[in-house]
Amino acid sequence: MRTIIENALSSEDGNVIDSVVALFQPRTLDKGETLLHQGDTWSQAFVIERGLVRMHLIGSDGKDFNKNFLPEGALFCPITAEMENQPSLFAISALEASFIWQAPVSALRSMLEKHDLWEPLRSELLARLVNQKLQREHDLLTLDGKSRYRQLCQSQPHLAARVPVAHLASYLGLTDVSLSRIRRQLKEEQE
């Protein structure tokens, strides 16, 4: 966990890193367990040491839409005041049994602000989010289903292999039947 924090912060000060690490408490998640319910206030920062979680939206009809997948090494937290103070627009759930660390985001922000590290971290997280969203929007609007799946396999092969077909299909804007057909076609092309 310390390495993840060191990589996320632009500080080499061991005392600062130790203080930040001390804020986090361990937590295990069972597969399918919810870390944040849609509509709840998002008050925790999370670091995934082992496992895989997904951010997803649940429509009024109960339909589930996958927004993002976060594997080992991910540090994520609310990065805007609205995300922290208003009901969450999405849920976060474990796709695999996971071992995570969590800390109150208010304590993390206060600690990092003392060392002028909150804004650099926040800026980095925002930049990653914007870049990811722009790429996803581009792919959904300009690529067919087969190309979207290929793009995912090239850019994030660990996710393509780990995420269940139904969740992957939702993320790619496909049905699970369509994605299964695409996977079968690509496998046949490789043989």
Protein backbone atom coordinates (compact mmCIF):
# COMPACT_ATOMS: atom_id res chain seq x y z
CA MET A 1 0.00 0.00 0.00
CA ARG A 2 2.86 2.35 0.81
CA THR A 3 4.22 2.00 -2.74
CA ILE A 4 0.85 2.94 -4.20
CA ILE A 5 0.73 6.07 -2.02
CA GLU A 6 4.34 6.97 -2.89
CA ASN A 7 3.57 6.64 -6.61
CA ALA A 8 0.42 8.76 -6.30
CA LEU A 9 2.04 11.63 -4.42
CA SER A 10 4.74 13.91 -5.70
CA SER A 11 6.65 13.78 -2.42
CA GLU A 12 9.72 11.87 -1.42
CA ASP A 13 9.39 12.90 2.22
CA GLY A 14 9.12 9.65 4.15
CA ASN A 15 7.43 11.34 7.11
CA VAL A 16 4.66 12.70 4.88
CA ILE A 17 4.17 9.29 3.26
CA ASP A 18 4.08 7.63 6.71
CA SER A 19 1.45 10.15 7.90
CA VAL A 20 -0.72 9.52 4.85
CA VAL A 21 -0.39 5.74 5.09
CA ALA A 22 -1.37 5.90 8.78
CA LEU A 23 -4.77 7.36 7.79
CA PHE A 24 -5.76 4.18 5.95
CA GLN A 25 -7.41 1.14 7.51
CA PRO A 26 -7.59 -2.31 5.88
CA ARG A 27 -10.86 -3.78 4.64
CA THR A 28 -11.73 -6.98 2.85
CA LEU A 29 -14.58 -7.19 0.37
CA ASP A 30 -16.39 -10.29 -0.76
CA LYS A 31 -17.18 -10.67 -4.43
CA GLY A 32 -20.30 -8.61 -5.11
CA GLU A 33 -20.03 -6.57 -1.91
CA THR A 34 -20.85 -2.88 -2.27
CA LEU A 35 -18.26 -0.34 -1.19
CA LEU A 36 -20.41 2.71 -1.98
CA HIS A 37 -24.15 2.63 -2.66
CA GLN A 38 -25.58 4.91 -5.32
CA GLY A 39 -27.19 7.84 -3.50
CA ASP A 40 -24.90 7.63 -0.45
CA THR A 41 -22.36 10.32 0.38
CA TRP A 42 -18.87 9.37 -0.80
CA SER A 43 -16.68 10.13 2.21
CA GLN A 44 -13.81 7.65 1.85
CA ALA A 45 -10.63 7.43 -0.20
CA PHE A 46 -9.74 3.92 -1.35
CA VAL A 47 -6.60 2.08 -2.40
CA ILE A 48 -6.93 -1.37 -3.94
CA GLU A 49 -4.14 -3.68 -2.88
CA ARG A 50 -5.67 -6.85 -4.31
CA GLY A 51 -8.81 -7.42 -6.35
CA LEU A 52 -11.03 -5.60 -8.79
CA VAL A 53 -13.92 -3.19 -8.26
CA ARG A 54 -16.36 -1.54 -10.62
CA MET A 55 -18.10 1.80 -10.64
CA HIS A 56 -21.62 1.40 -11.96
CA LEU A 57 -24.94 3.20 -12.31
CA ILE A 58 -28.29 1.65 -11.59
CA GLY A 59 -31.19 3.02 -13.63
CA SER A 60 -34.69 3.57 -12.26
CA ASP A 61 -35.68 0.33 -14.01
CA GLY A 62 -32.95 -1.56 -12.11
CA LYS A 63 -30.71 -1.92 -15.15
CA ASP A 64 -27.01 -1.82 -14.31
CA PHE A 65 -24.51 0.19 -16.41
CA ASN A 66 -20.77 -0.17 -15.89
CA LYS A 67 -18.84 3.08 -15.76
CA ASN A 68 -15.31 1.99 -14.88
CA PHE A 69 -13.19 -0.86 -13.53
CA LEU A 70 -10.40 -0.37 -10.99
CA PRO A 71 -7.75 -3.05 -10.42
CA GLU A 72 -4.86 -3.39 -7.99
CA GLY A 73 -2.85 -0.24 -7.49
CA ALA A 74 -5.78 2.13 -7.96
CA LEU A 75 -6.16 5.10 -5.63
CA PHE A 76 -9.55 6.75 -5.97
CA CYS A 77 -11.60 9.25 -4.00
CA PRO A 78 -14.07 12.05 -4.59
CA ILE A 79 -12.09 14.76 -6.38
CA THR A 80 -14.65 17.54 -6.48
CA ALA A 81 -16.72 19.10 -3.72
CA GLU A 82 -19.89 17.90 -5.46
CA MET A 83 -18.66 14.30 -5.52
CA GLU A 84 -17.94 14.47 -1.79
CA ASN A 85 -20.97 16.43 -0.58
CA GLN A 86 -23.83 15.30 -2.79
CA PRO A 87 -25.40 11.85 -3.11
CA SER A 88 -23.23 9.64 -5.30
CA LEU A 89 -24.49 9.22 -8.84
CA PHE A 90 -22.98 5.72 -8.98
CA ALA A 91 -22.15 2.70 -6.85
CA ILE A 92 -18.82 0.96 -6.29
CA SER A 93 -18.86 -2.83 -5.92
CA ALA A 94 -16.30 -5.65 -5.81
CA LEU A 95 -16.09 -7.83 -8.93
CA GLU A 96 -13.63 -10.10 -7.13
CA ALA A 97 -12.83 -10.75 -3.50
CA SER A 98 -10.67 -7.72 -2.75
CA PHE A 99 -8.36 -6.30 -0.13
CA ILE A 100 -8.51 -2.53 0.05
CA TRP A 101 -7.44 0.32 2.29
CA GLN A 102 -9.76 3.18 3.14
CA ALA A 103 -9.38 6.56 4.82
CA PRO A 104 -11.72 9.45 5.45
CA VAL A 105 -11.25 11.72 2.45
CA SER A 106 -11.53 14.81 4.66
CA ALA A 107 -8.56 13.63 6.76
CA LEU A 108 -6.59 12.71 3.63
CA ARG A 109 -7.30 16.08 2.03
CA SER A 110 -6.33 17.96 5.22
CA MET A 111 -3.09 16.02 5.57
CA LEU A 112 -2.15 16.56 1.93
CA GLU A 113 -3.11 20.26 1.99
CA LYS A 114 -0.62 20.80 4.86
CA HIS A 115 2.14 19.66 2.52
CA ASP A 116 0.76 21.26 -0.67
CA LEU A 117 0.07 17.82 -2.12
CA TRP A 118 -3.73 17.79 -2.40
CA GLU A 119 -3.99 19.92 -5.54
CA PRO A 120 -1.27 18.02 -7.43
CA LEU A 121 -2.93 14.69 -6.58
CA ARG A 122 -6.38 16.04 -7.41
CA SER A 123 -5.10 17.43 -10.72
CA GLU A 124 -3.50 14.11 -11.64
CA LEU A 125 -6.69 12.17 -10.80
CA LEU A 126 -8.81 14.66 -12.78
CA ALA A 127 -6.46 14.46 -15.77
CA ARG A 128 -6.63 10.65 -15.77
CA LEU A 129 -10.42 10.78 -15.52
CA VAL A 130 -10.80 13.26 -18.36
CA ASN A 131 -8.40 11.35 -20.63
CA GLN A 132 -10.17 8.06 -19.90
CA LYS A 133 -13.60 9.57 -20.52
CA LEU A 134 -12.52 11.20 -23.79
CA GLN A 135 -11.10 7.91 -25.05
CA ARG A 136 -14.21 6.00 -24.00
CA GLU A 137 -16.49 8.57 -25.63
CA HIS A 138 -14.42 8.42 -28.82
CA ASP A 139 -14.56 4.62 -28.88
CA LEU A 140 -18.31 4.44 -28.20
CA LEU A 141 -19.10 7.02 -30.89
CA THR A 142 -16.68 6.03 -33.64
CA LEU A 143 -15.89 2.32 -33.33
CA ASP A 144 -18.08 -0.71 -33.94
CA GLY A 145 -18.45 -3.30 -31.18
CA LYS A 146 -15.68 -5.54 -32.46
CA SER A 147 -13.25 -2.62 -32.68
CA ARG A 148 -14.22 -1.39 -29.20
CA TYR A 149 -13.46 -4.84 -27.78
CA ARG A 150 -10.14 -5.02 -29.66
CA GLN A 151 -9.21 -1.56 -28.37
CA LEU A 152 -9.94 -2.66 -24.80
CA CYS A 153 -7.91 -5.86 -25.24
CA GLN A 154 -4.96 -3.82 -26.49
CA SER A 155 -5.12 -1.00 -23.96
CA GLN A 156 -6.24 -2.96 -20.88
CA PRO A 157 -5.68 -6.69 -21.44
CA HIS A 158 -5.87 -7.38 -17.70
CA LEU A 159 -9.47 -6.12 -17.64
CA ALA A 160 -10.52 -7.98 -20.78
CA ALA A 161 -9.36 -11.21 -19.12
CA ARG A 162 -10.80 -10.59 -15.64
CA VAL A 163 -14.10 -8.77 -16.04
CA PRO A 164 -17.12 -11.06 -16.50
CA VAL A 165 -18.68 -10.92 -19.99
CA ALA A 166 -21.94 -9.29 -18.85
CA HIS A 167 -20.10 -6.43 -17.14
CA LEU A 168 -17.62 -6.02 -19.97
CA ALA A 169 -20.44 -5.94 -22.51
CA SER A 170 -22.26 -3.23 -20.56
CA TYR A 171 -19.08 -1.15 -20.41
CA LEU A 172 -18.55 -1.52 -24.16
CA GLY A 173 -22.17 -0.69 -25.02
CA LEU A 174 -22.94 -4.23 -26.18
CA THR A 175 -25.16 -7.09 -25.10
CA ASP A 176 -23.44 -10.08 -23.53
CA VAL A 177 -24.62 -12.18 -26.50
CA SER A 178 -22.99 -9.76 -28.96
CA LEU A 179 -19.76 -9.69 -26.99
CA SER A 180 -19.66 -13.49 -26.77
CA ARG A 181 -20.10 -13.66 -30.55
CA ILE A 182 -17.31 -11.10 -31.08
CA ARG A 183 -14.97 -13.01 -28.79
CA ARG A 184 -15.73 -16.25 -30.62
CA GLN A 185 -15.09 -14.59 -34.02
CA LEU A 186 -11.77 -13.15 -32.87
CA LYS A 187 -10.72 -16.50 -31.46
CA GLU A 188 -11.56 -18.21 -34.77
CA GLU A 189 -9.56 -15.54 -36.67
CA GLN A 190 -6.51 -16.30 -34.53
CA GLU A 191 -6.67 -20.04 -35.17
